Every structure is written in C-alpha cells, then in structure tokens.
PDB file of N, CA and C in Angstrom:
ATOM      1  N   MET A   1       0.826  -1.185   0.000  1.00  0.00           N
ATOM      2  CA  MET A   1       0.000   0.000   0.000  1.00  0.00           C
ATOM      3  C   MET A   1       0.869   1.247   0.000  1.00  0.00           C
ATOM      4  N   GLY A   2       2.086   1.109   0.468  1.00  0.00           N
ATOM      5  CA  GLY A   2       2.998   2.231   0.379  1.00  0.00           C
ATOM      6  C   GLY A   2       3.007   3.100   1.621  1.00  0.00           C
ATOM      7  N   GLU A   3       3.439   4.308   1.416  1.00  0.00           N
ATOM      8  CA  GLU A   3       3.605   5.279   2.487  1.00  0.00           C
ATOM      9  C   GLU A   3       2.262   5.730   3.064  1.00  0.00           C
ATOM     10  N   MET A   4       2.215   5.820   4.373  1.00  0.00           N
ATOM     11  CA  MET A   4       1.003   6.290   5.055  1.00  0.00           C
ATOM     12  C   MET A   4       1.292   7.651   5.682  1.00  0.00           C
ATOM     13  N   ILE A   5       0.300   8.515   5.641  1.00  0.00           N
ATOM     14  CA  ILE A   5       0.414   9.852   6.214  1.00  0.00           C
ATOM     15  C   ILE A   5      -0.400   9.884   7.499  1.00  0.00           C
ATOM     16  N   THR A   6       0.227  10.298   8.572  1.00  0.00           N
ATOM     17  CA  THR A   6      -0.445  10.438   9.850  1.00  0.00           C
ATOM     18  C   THR A   6      -0.135  11.826  10.392  1.00  0.00           C
ATOM     19  N   LYS A   7      -1.156  12.624  10.617  1.00  0.00           N
ATOM     20  CA  LYS A   7      -0.985  13.978  11.163  1.00  0.00           C
ATOM     21  C   LYS A   7      -2.138  14.268  12.110  1.00  0.00           C
ATOM     22  N   PRO A   8      -2.081  13.766  13.329  1.00  0.00           N
ATOM     23  CA  PRO A   8      -3.183  13.999  14.261  1.00  0.00           C
ATOM     24  C   PRO A   8      -3.366  15.467  14.629  1.00  0.00           C
ATOM     25  N   ASP A   9      -2.368  16.301  14.346  1.00  0.00           N
ATOM     26  CA  ASP A   9      -2.491  17.725  14.638  1.00  0.00           C
ATOM     27  C   ASP A   9      -3.046  18.525  13.457  1.00  0.00           C
ATOM     28  N   ALA A  10      -3.506  17.843  12.413  1.00  0.00           N
ATOM     29  CA  ALA A  10      -4.048  18.519  11.238  1.00  0.00           C
ATOM     30  C   ALA A  10      -5.321  19.274  11.603  1.00  0.00           C
ATOM     31  N   ASN A  11      -5.423  20.493  11.093  1.00  0.00           N
ATOM     32  CA  ASN A  11      -6.610  21.311  11.306  1.00  0.00           C
ATOM     33  C   ASN A  11      -7.359  21.396   9.977  1.00  0.00           C
ATOM     34  N   PRO A  12      -8.545  20.793   9.866  1.00  0.00           N
ATOM     35  CA  PRO A  12      -9.271  20.768   8.603  1.00  0.00           C
ATOM     36  C   PRO A  12      -9.556  22.148   8.026  1.00  0.00           C
ATOM     37  N   ILE A  13      -9.858  23.114   8.880  1.00  0.00           N
ATOM     38  CA  ILE A  13     -10.173  24.460   8.387  1.00  0.00           C
ATOM     39  C   ILE A  13      -8.929  25.125   7.810  1.00  0.00           C
ATOM     40  N   VAL A  14      -7.802  24.966   8.477  1.00  0.00           N
ATOM     41  CA  VAL A  14      -6.554  25.545   7.974  1.00  0.00           C
ATOM     42  C   VAL A  14      -6.188  24.926   6.627  1.00  0.00           C
ATOM     43  N   LEU A  15      -6.335  23.607   6.502  1.00  0.00           N
ATOM     44  CA  LEU A  15      -6.025  22.955   5.224  1.00  0.00           C
ATOM     45  C   LEU A  15      -6.920  23.470   4.106  1.00  0.00           C
ATOM     46  N   ALA A  16      -8.200  23.640   4.383  1.00  0.00           N
ATOM     47  CA  ALA A  16      -9.129  24.154   3.374  1.00  0.00           C
ATOM     48  C   ALA A  16      -8.754  25.577   2.968  1.00  0.00           C
ATOM     49  N   VAL A  17      -8.470  26.410   3.943  1.00  0.00           N
ATOM     50  CA  VAL A  17      -8.108  27.808   3.650  1.00  0.00           C
ATOM     51  C   VAL A  17      -6.804  27.869   2.852  1.00  0.00           C
ATOM     52  N   LEU A  18      -5.843  27.010   3.199  1.00  0.00           N
ATOM     53  CA  LEU A  18      -4.578  26.999   2.465  1.00  0.00           C
ATOM     54  C   LEU A  18      -4.769  26.587   1.005  1.00  0.00           C
ATOM     55  N   ASN A  19      -5.754  25.760   0.731  1.00  0.00           N
ATOM     56  CA  ASN A  19      -6.022  25.389  -0.661  1.00  0.00           C
ATOM     57  C   ASN A  19      -6.751  26.509  -1.402  1.00  0.00           C
ATOM     58  N   LEU A  20      -7.329  27.454  -0.691  1.00  0.00           N
ATOM     59  CA  LEU A  20      -8.041  28.567  -1.327  1.00  0.00           C
ATOM     60  C   LEU A  20      -7.255  29.865  -1.346  1.00  0.00           C
ATOM     61  N   ILE A  21      -6.325  30.040  -0.425  1.00  0.00           N
ATOM     62  CA  ILE A  21      -5.706  31.339  -0.201  1.00  0.00           C
ATOM     63  C   ILE A  21      -5.051  31.919  -1.459  1.00  0.00           C
ATOM     64  N   ILE A  22      -4.327  31.116  -2.188  1.00  0.00           N
ATOM     65  CA  ILE A  22      -3.753  31.535  -3.470  1.00  0.00           C
ATOM     66  C   ILE A  22      -4.428  30.652  -4.507  1.00  0.00           C
ATOM     67  N   MET A  23      -5.441  31.174  -5.147  1.00  0.00           N
ATOM     68  CA  MET A  23      -6.231  30.374  -6.089  1.00  0.00           C
ATOM     69  C   MET A  23      -5.308  29.642  -7.061  1.00  0.00           C
ATOM     70  N   GLY A  24      -5.416  28.354  -7.082  1.00  0.00           N
ATOM     71  CA  GLY A  24      -4.628  27.543  -7.989  1.00  0.00           C
ATOM     72  C   GLY A  24      -3.412  26.902  -7.355  1.00  0.00           C
ATOM     73  N   LEU A  25      -3.016  27.339  -6.166  1.00  0.00           N
ATOM     74  CA  LEU A  25      -1.860  26.750  -5.497  1.00  0.00           C
ATOM     75  C   LEU A  25      -2.341  26.038  -4.237  1.00  0.00           C
ATOM     76  N   PRO A  26      -2.581  24.734  -4.340  1.00  0.00           N
ATOM     77  CA  PRO A  26      -3.151  23.973  -3.211  1.00  0.00           C
ATOM     78  C   PRO A  26      -2.126  23.656  -2.126  1.00  0.00           C
ATOM     79  N   ILE A  27      -1.807  24.647  -1.327  1.00  0.00           N
ATOM     80  CA  ILE A  27      -0.794  24.511  -0.287  1.00  0.00           C
ATOM     81  C   ILE A  27      -1.198  23.470   0.758  1.00  0.00           C
ATOM     82  N   GLY A  28      -2.494  23.336   1.015  1.00  0.00           N
ATOM     83  CA  GLY A  28      -2.970  22.369   2.006  1.00  0.00           C
ATOM     84  C   GLY A  28      -2.552  20.947   1.670  1.00  0.00           C
ATOM     85  N   TYR A  29      -2.601  20.591   0.382  1.00  0.00           N
ATOM     86  CA  TYR A  29      -2.172  19.249  -0.023  1.00  0.00           C
ATOM     87  C   TYR A  29      -0.677  19.054   0.223  1.00  0.00           C
ATOM     88  N   PHE A  30       0.108  20.083  -0.071  1.00  0.00           N
ATOM     89  CA  PHE A  30       1.546  19.993   0.193  1.00  0.00           C
ATOM     90  C   PHE A  30       1.799  19.799   1.685  1.00  0.00           C
ATOM     91  N   MET A  31       1.022  20.476   2.527  1.00  0.00           N
ATOM     92  CA  MET A  31       1.198  20.396   3.984  1.00  0.00           C
ATOM     93  C   MET A  31       0.959  18.989   4.522  1.00  0.00           C
ATOM     94  N   ILE A  32       0.010  18.256   3.911  1.00  0.00           N
ATOM     95  CA  ILE A  32      -0.274  16.915   4.421  1.00  0.00           C
ATOM     96  C   ILE A  32       0.458  15.827   3.645  1.00  0.00           C
ATOM     97  N   GLY A  33       1.275  16.214   2.681  1.00  0.00           N
ATOM     98  CA  GLY A  33       2.100  15.241   1.976  1.00  0.00           C
ATOM     99  C   GLY A  33       1.494  14.664   0.714  1.00  0.00           C
ATOM    100  N   GLN A  34       0.460  15.289   0.186  1.00  0.00           N
ATOM    101  CA  GLN A  34      -0.147  14.813  -1.058  1.00  0.00           C
ATOM    102  C   GLN A  34       0.358  15.651  -2.236  1.00  0.00           C
ATOM    103  N   THR A  35       1.652  15.509  -2.501  1.00  0.00           N
ATOM    104  CA  THR A  35       2.319  16.312  -3.520  1.00  0.00           C
ATOM    105  C   THR A  35       1.776  16.050  -4.917  1.00  0.00           C
ATOM    106  N   LYS A  36       1.557  14.789  -5.266  1.00  0.00           N
ATOM    107  CA  LYS A  36       1.048  14.449  -6.595  1.00  0.00           C
ATOM    108  C   LYS A  36      -0.318  15.107  -6.840  1.00  0.00           C
ATOM    109  N   LYS A  37      -1.174  15.048  -5.845  1.00  0.00           N
ATOM    110  CA  LYS A  37      -2.497  15.651  -5.977  1.00  0.00           C
ATOM    111  C   LYS A  37      -2.387  17.174  -6.067  1.00  0.00           C
ATOM    112  N   ALA A  38      -1.487  17.762  -5.293  1.00  0.00           N
ATOM    113  CA  ALA A  38      -1.299  19.210  -5.317  1.00  0.00           C
ATOM    114  C   ALA A  38      -0.859  19.673  -6.707  1.00  0.00           C
ATOM    115  N   ILE A  39       0.104  18.972  -7.276  1.00  0.00           N
ATOM    116  CA  ILE A  39       0.589  19.343  -8.612  1.00  0.00           C
ATOM    117  C   ILE A  39      -0.500  19.121  -9.654  1.00  0.00           C
ATOM    118  N   GLY A  40      -1.257  18.032  -9.535  1.00  0.00           N
ATOM    119  CA  GLY A  40      -2.359  17.776 -10.464  1.00  0.00           C
ATOM    120  C   GLY A  40      -3.405  18.873 -10.423  1.00  0.00           C
ATOM    121  N   PHE A  41      -3.791  19.301  -9.228  1.00  0.00           N
ATOM    122  CA  PHE A  41      -4.765  20.386  -9.104  1.00  0.00           C
ATOM    123  C   PHE A  41      -4.198  21.697  -9.618  1.00  0.00           C
ATOM    124  N   LEU A  42      -2.936  21.944  -9.362  1.00  0.00           N
ATOM    125  CA  LEU A  42      -2.291  23.165  -9.821  1.00  0.00           C
ATOM    126  C   LEU A  42      -2.321  23.259 -11.345  1.00  0.00           C
ATOM    127  N   VAL A  43      -1.890  22.197 -12.002  1.00  0.00           N
ATOM    128  CA  VAL A  43      -1.854  22.179 -13.472  1.00  0.00           C
ATOM    129  C   VAL A  43      -3.268  22.269 -14.046  1.00  0.00           C
ATOM    130  N   ALA A  44      -4.194  21.511 -13.491  1.00  0.00           N
ATOM    131  CA  ALA A  44      -5.571  21.529 -13.996  1.00  0.00           C
ATOM    132  C   ALA A  44      -6.214  22.904 -13.815  1.00  0.00           C
ATOM    133  N   THR A  45      -5.969  23.542 -12.694  1.00  0.00           N
ATOM    134  CA  THR A  45      -6.528  24.875 -12.452  1.00  0.00           C
ATOM    135  C   THR A  45      -5.983  25.873 -13.455  1.00  0.00           C
ATOM    136  N   TRP A  46      -4.685  25.848 -13.671  1.00  0.00           N
ATOM    137  CA  TRP A  46      -4.090  26.787 -14.629  1.00  0.00           C
ATOM    138  C   TRP A  46      -4.584  26.518 -16.043  1.00  0.00           C
ATOM    139  N   LEU A  47      -4.684  25.242 -16.429  1.00  0.00           N
ATOM    140  CA  LEU A  47      -5.168  24.923 -17.774  1.00  0.00           C
ATOM    141  C   LEU A  47      -6.615  25.366 -17.966  1.00  0.00           C
ATOM    142  N   LEU A  48      -7.459  25.066 -17.003  1.00  0.00           N
ATOM    143  CA  LEU A  48      -8.865  25.462 -17.125  1.00  0.00           C
ATOM    144  C   LEU A  48      -9.030  26.973 -17.086  1.00  0.00           C
ATOM    145  N   SER A  49      -8.152  27.661 -16.387  1.00  0.00           N
ATOM    146  CA  SER A  49      -8.206  29.117 -16.363  1.00  0.00           C
ATOM    147  C   SER A  49      -7.849  29.698 -17.725  1.00  0.00           C
ATOM    148  N   CYS A  50      -6.880  29.091 -18.377  1.00  0.00           N
ATOM    149  CA  CYS A  50      -6.452  29.577 -19.692  1.00  0.00           C
ATOM    150  C   CYS A  50      -7.429  29.202 -20.791  1.00  0.00           C
ATOM    151  N   ILE A  51      -7.971  28.005 -20.713  1.00  0.00           N
ATOM    152  CA  ILE A  51      -8.820  27.502 -21.793  1.00  0.00           C
ATOM    153  C   ILE A  51     -10.227  28.078 -21.740  1.00  0.00           C
ATOM    154  N   GLY A  52     -10.870  27.964 -20.618  1.00  0.00           N
ATOM    155  CA  GLY A  52     -12.260  28.391 -20.586  1.00  0.00           C
ATOM    156  C   GLY A  52     -12.633  29.268 -19.413  1.00  0.00           C
ATOM    157  N   GLY A  53     -11.664  29.683 -18.632  1.00  0.00           N
ATOM    158  CA  GLY A  53     -11.963  30.528 -17.494  1.00  0.00           C
ATOM    159  C   GLY A  53     -12.665  29.797 -16.363  1.00  0.00           C
ATOM    160  N   LEU A  54     -12.622  28.460 -16.368  1.00  0.00           N
ATOM    161  CA  LEU A  54     -13.308  27.676 -15.339  1.00  0.00           C
ATOM    162  C   LEU A  54     -12.376  27.242 -14.210  1.00  0.00           C
ATOM    163  N   GLY A  55     -11.183  27.766 -14.192  1.00  0.00           N
ATOM    164  CA  GLY A  55     -10.206  27.374 -13.195  1.00  0.00           C
ATOM    165  C   GLY A  55     -10.568  27.761 -11.779  1.00  0.00           C
ATOM    166  N   PHE A  56     -11.510  28.676 -11.602  1.00  0.00           N
ATOM    167  CA  PHE A  56     -11.889  29.109 -10.260  1.00  0.00           C
ATOM    168  C   PHE A  56     -12.654  28.036  -9.495  1.00  0.00           C
ATOM    169  N   ILE A  57     -13.163  27.020 -10.188  1.00  0.00           N
ATOM    170  CA  ILE A  57     -13.956  25.968  -9.544  1.00  0.00           C
ATOM    171  C   ILE A  57     -13.059  24.979  -8.796  1.00  0.00           C
ATOM    172  N   LEU A  58     -11.936  24.619  -9.371  1.00  0.00           N
ATOM    173  CA  LEU A  58     -11.082  23.581  -8.789  1.00  0.00           C
ATOM    174  C   LEU A  58     -10.534  23.910  -7.401  1.00  0.00           C
ATOM    175  N   PRO A  59     -10.125  25.142  -7.114  1.00  0.00           N
ATOM    176  CA  PRO A  59      -9.660  25.412  -5.742  1.00  0.00           C
ATOM    177  C   PRO A  59     -10.742  25.175  -4.684  1.00  0.00           C
ATOM    178  N   TRP A  60     -11.993  25.395  -5.028  1.00  0.00           N
ATOM    179  CA  TRP A  60     -13.086  25.140  -4.080  1.00  0.00           C
ATOM    180  C   TRP A  60     -13.248  23.645  -3.845  1.00  0.00           C
ATOM    181  N   ILE A  61     -13.104  22.857  -4.917  1.00  0.00           N
ATOM    182  CA  ILE A  61     -13.166  21.400  -4.779  1.00  0.00           C
ATOM    183  C   ILE A  61     -11.983  20.916  -3.946  1.00  0.00           C
ATOM    184  N   ALA A  62     -10.792  21.451  -4.224  1.00  0.00           N
ATOM    185  CA  ALA A  62      -9.592  21.070  -3.474  1.00  0.00           C
ATOM    186  C   ALA A  62      -9.720  21.463  -2.001  1.00  0.00           C
ATOM    187  N   ALA A  63     -10.334  22.607  -1.735  1.00  0.00           N
ATOM    188  CA  ALA A  63     -10.506  23.042  -0.347  1.00  0.00           C
ATOM    189  C   ALA A  63     -11.427  22.093   0.410  1.00  0.00           C
ATOM    190  N   TYR A  64     -12.528  21.707  -0.205  1.00  0.00           N
ATOM    191  CA  TYR A  64     -13.465  20.804   0.472  1.00  0.00           C
ATOM    192  C   TYR A  64     -12.833  19.419   0.665  1.00  0.00           C
ATOM    193  N   ASP A  65     -12.105  18.949  -0.350  1.00  0.00           N
ATOM    194  CA  ASP A  65     -11.420  17.666  -0.245  1.00  0.00           C
ATOM    195  C   ASP A  65     -10.384  17.707   0.889  1.00  0.00           C
ATOM    196  N   ALA A  66      -9.605  18.784   0.965  1.00  0.00           N
ATOM    197  CA  ALA A  66      -8.607  18.919   2.033  1.00  0.00           C
ATOM    198  C   ALA A  66      -9.278  18.994   3.397  1.00  0.00           C
ATOM    199  N   TYR A  67     -10.429  19.645   3.473  1.00  0.00           N
ATOM    200  CA  TYR A  67     -11.168  19.713   4.732  1.00  0.00           C
ATOM    201  C   TYR A  67     -11.578  18.314   5.192  1.00  0.00           C
ATOM    202  N   LEU A  68     -12.112  17.524   4.271  1.00  0.00           N
ATOM    203  CA  LEU A  68     -12.526  16.163   4.609  1.00  0.00           C
ATOM    204  C   LEU A  68     -11.338  15.300   5.024  1.00  0.00           C
ATOM    205  N   LEU A  69     -10.225  15.443   4.314  1.00  0.00           N
ATOM    206  CA  LEU A  69      -9.020  14.693   4.672  1.00  0.00           C
ATOM    207  C   LEU A  69      -8.474  15.161   6.020  1.00  0.00           C
ATOM    208  N   GLY A  70      -8.542  16.456   6.267  1.00  0.00           N
ATOM    209  CA  GLY A  70      -8.091  16.992   7.546  1.00  0.00           C
ATOM    210  C   GLY A  70      -8.901  16.448   8.710  1.00  0.00           C
ATOM    211  N   GLN A  71     -10.195  16.270   8.496  1.00  0.00           N
ATOM    212  CA  GLN A  71     -11.033  15.678   9.536  1.00  0.00           C
ATOM    213  C   GLN A  71     -10.589  14.250   9.850  1.00  0.00           C
ATOM    214  N   ARG A  72     -10.293  13.499   8.794  1.00  0.00           N
ATOM    215  CA  ARG A  72      -9.847  12.112   8.992  1.00  0.00           C
ATOM    216  C   ARG A  72      -8.512  12.070   9.728  1.00  0.00           C
ATOM    217  N   LEU A  73      -7.589  12.950   9.341  1.00  0.00           N
ATOM    218  CA  LEU A  73      -6.284  12.986   9.996  1.00  0.00           C
ATOM    219  C   LEU A  73      -6.412  13.416  11.457  1.00  0.00           C
ATOM    220  N   ALA A  74      -7.231  14.416  11.718  1.00  0.00           N
ATOM    221  CA  ALA A  74      -7.422  14.899  13.083  1.00  0.00           C
ATOM    222  C   ALA A  74      -8.068  13.835  13.969  1.00  0.00           C
ATOM    223  N   ALA A  75      -8.838  12.943  13.359  1.00  0.00           N
ATOM    224  CA  ALA A  75      -9.478  11.854  14.106  1.00  0.00           C
ATOM    225  C   ALA A  75      -8.498  10.711  14.378  1.00  0.00           C
ATOM    226  N   GLY A  76      -7.268  10.843  13.879  1.00  0.00           N
ATOM    227  CA  GLY A  76      -6.252   9.823  14.137  1.00  0.00           C
ATOM    228  C   GLY A  76      -6.105   8.793  13.047  1.00  0.00           C
ATOM    229  N   GLU A  77      -6.836   8.935  11.949  1.00  0.00           N
ATOM    230  CA  GLU A  77      -6.718   7.992  10.833  1.00  0.00           C
ATOM    231  C   GLU A  77      -5.446   8.283  10.042  1.00  0.00           C
ATOM    232  N   SER A  78      -4.989   7.282   9.334  1.00  0.00           N
ATOM    233  CA  SER A  78      -3.873   7.446   8.403  1.00  0.00           C
ATOM    234  C   SER A  78      -4.421   7.431   6.989  1.00  0.00           C
ATOM    235  N   ILE A  79      -3.801   8.199   6.115  1.00  0.00           N
ATOM    236  CA  ILE A  79      -4.208   8.228   4.709  1.00  0.00           C
ATOM    237  C   ILE A  79      -2.976   7.967   3.852  1.00  0.00           C
ATOM    238  N   THR A  80      -3.203   7.634   2.601  1.00  0.00           N
ATOM    239  CA  THR A  80      -2.103   7.470   1.655  1.00  0.00           C
ATOM    240  C   THR A  80      -1.944   8.770   0.879  1.00  0.00           C
ATOM    241  N   PRO A  81      -0.876   8.927   0.117  1.00  0.00           N
ATOM    242  CA  PRO A  81      -0.710  10.139  -0.684  1.00  0.00           C
ATOM    243  C   PRO A  81      -1.800  10.327  -1.741  1.00  0.00           C
ATOM    244  N   ASN A  82      -2.564   9.274  -2.038  1.00  0.00           N
ATOM    245  CA  ASN A  82      -3.624   9.388  -3.044  1.00  0.00           C
ATOM    246  C   ASN A  82      -5.029   9.268  -2.470  1.00  0.00           C
ATOM    247  N   THR A  83      -5.169   9.276  -1.160  1.00  0.00           N
ATOM    248  CA  THR A  83      -6.490   9.185  -0.547  1.00  0.00           C
ATOM    249  C   THR A  83      -7.278  10.452  -0.864  1.00  0.00           C
ATOM    250  N   ASN A  84      -8.560  10.266  -1.123  1.00  0.00           N
ATOM    251  CA  ASN A  84      -9.438  11.391  -1.448  1.00  0.00           C
ATOM    252  C   ASN A  84     -10.566  11.482  -0.436  1.00  0.00           C
ATOM    253  N   GLY A  85     -10.976  12.693  -0.151  1.00  0.00           N
ATOM    254  CA  GLY A  85     -12.136  12.903   0.691  1.00  0.00           C
ATOM    255  C   GLY A  85     -13.414  12.848  -0.125  1.00  0.00           C
ATOM    256  N   LEU A  86     -13.322  13.232  -1.380  1.00  0.00           N
ATOM    257  CA  LEU A  86     -14.451  13.226  -2.304  1.00  0.00           C
ATOM    258  C   LEU A  86     -14.320  12.020  -3.226  1.00  0.00           C
ATOM    259  N   SER A  87     -15.328  11.194  -3.263  1.00  0.00           N
ATOM    260  CA  SER A  87     -15.235   9.919  -3.977  1.00  0.00           C
ATOM    261  C   SER A  87     -15.031  10.075  -5.480  1.00  0.00           C
ATOM    262  N   PHE A  88     -15.545  11.152  -6.099  1.00  0.00           N
ATOM    263  CA  PHE A  88     -15.376  11.281  -7.542  1.00  0.00           C
ATOM    264  C   PHE A  88     -13.922  11.548  -7.933  1.00  0.00           C
ATOM    265  N   LEU A  89     -13.098  11.967  -6.991  1.00  0.00           N
ATOM    266  CA  LEU A  89     -11.683  12.165  -7.277  1.00  0.00           C
ATOM    267  C   LEU A  89     -10.918  10.850  -7.379  1.00  0.00           C
ATOM    268  N   ASP A  90     -11.552   9.752  -6.938  1.00  0.00           N
ATOM    269  CA  ASP A  90     -10.914   8.441  -7.049  1.00  0.00           C
ATOM    270  C   ASP A  90     -10.663   8.054  -8.507  1.00  0.00           C
ATOM    271  N   ALA A  91     -11.423   8.614  -9.429  1.00  0.00           N
ATOM    272  CA  ALA A  91     -11.225   8.326 -10.842  1.00  0.00           C
ATOM    273  C   ALA A  91      -9.911   8.926 -11.352  1.00  0.00           C
ATOM    274  N   ILE A  92      -9.411   9.947 -10.666  1.00  0.00           N
ATOM    275  CA  ILE A  92      -8.199  10.625 -11.097  1.00  0.00           C
ATOM    276  C   ILE A  92      -6.997  10.228 -10.241  1.00  0.00           C
ATOM    277  N   PHE A  93      -7.175  10.308  -8.922  1.00  0.00           N
ATOM    278  CA  PHE A  93      -6.102  10.006  -7.976  1.00  0.00           C
ATOM    279  C   PHE A  93      -6.403   8.697  -7.293  1.00  0.00           C
ATOM    280  N   LYS A  94      -5.776   7.640  -7.768  1.00  0.00           N
ATOM    281  CA  LYS A  94      -6.041   6.296  -7.268  1.00  0.00           C
ATOM    282  C   LYS A  94      -4.920   5.818  -6.367  1.00  0.00           C
ATOM    283  N   ASP A  95      -5.251   4.915  -5.463  1.00  0.00           N
ATOM    284  CA  ASP A  95      -4.224   4.259  -4.638  1.00  0.00           C
ATOM    285  C   ASP A  95      -3.585   3.147  -5.404  1.00  0.00           C
TER     286      ASP A  95
END
C-alpha cells in the first residue's frame, strides 16, 4: 500500500483555507504530503483558467477535499498520498 500519512495535529479548516488562499496553489495538499495531488490540481486549475476561465472551480473542490481529509487525519486515521475525501476524485487520484 505504500507510504502512510499520519498527522493527528491537522486542522481541517486551515487545510481548506490553504487550498483557497492563493487560487490555484493547493498549499494544504503539500502540507499533508499529497504532492502528486497538489501538482495535479495546480496544473488543472491553470489549464482550465487559460482555456475556458473555469479554473476558479477547482480550488473550491480542493478546499473541500482537504477539509474532509483533515477531519480524517485529526481523528487519528492514516491516509495514503492518493487518498481522497471526495469519492469522484478516485477516478483521477487512485491508490
């Protein structure tokens, strides 16, 4: 299964805000060790912003996903670098 991430001190609200603070730069994912997902969201946000101006939607999705993951981490659960809080993201970021 690979590397597990454990951060019982994770604050779900801080993670969500960090994914929104600089639109397109999901800092919250970097903070919890989900680098692949952070880079994927970064590239997708920039591409959608350039192509159709829809890039503003992805940071909100990333914020909610980080919030859900932060709740799991704060509850003492471990996650993998590809764990998702939102099930539809499993189609993109798989374990």
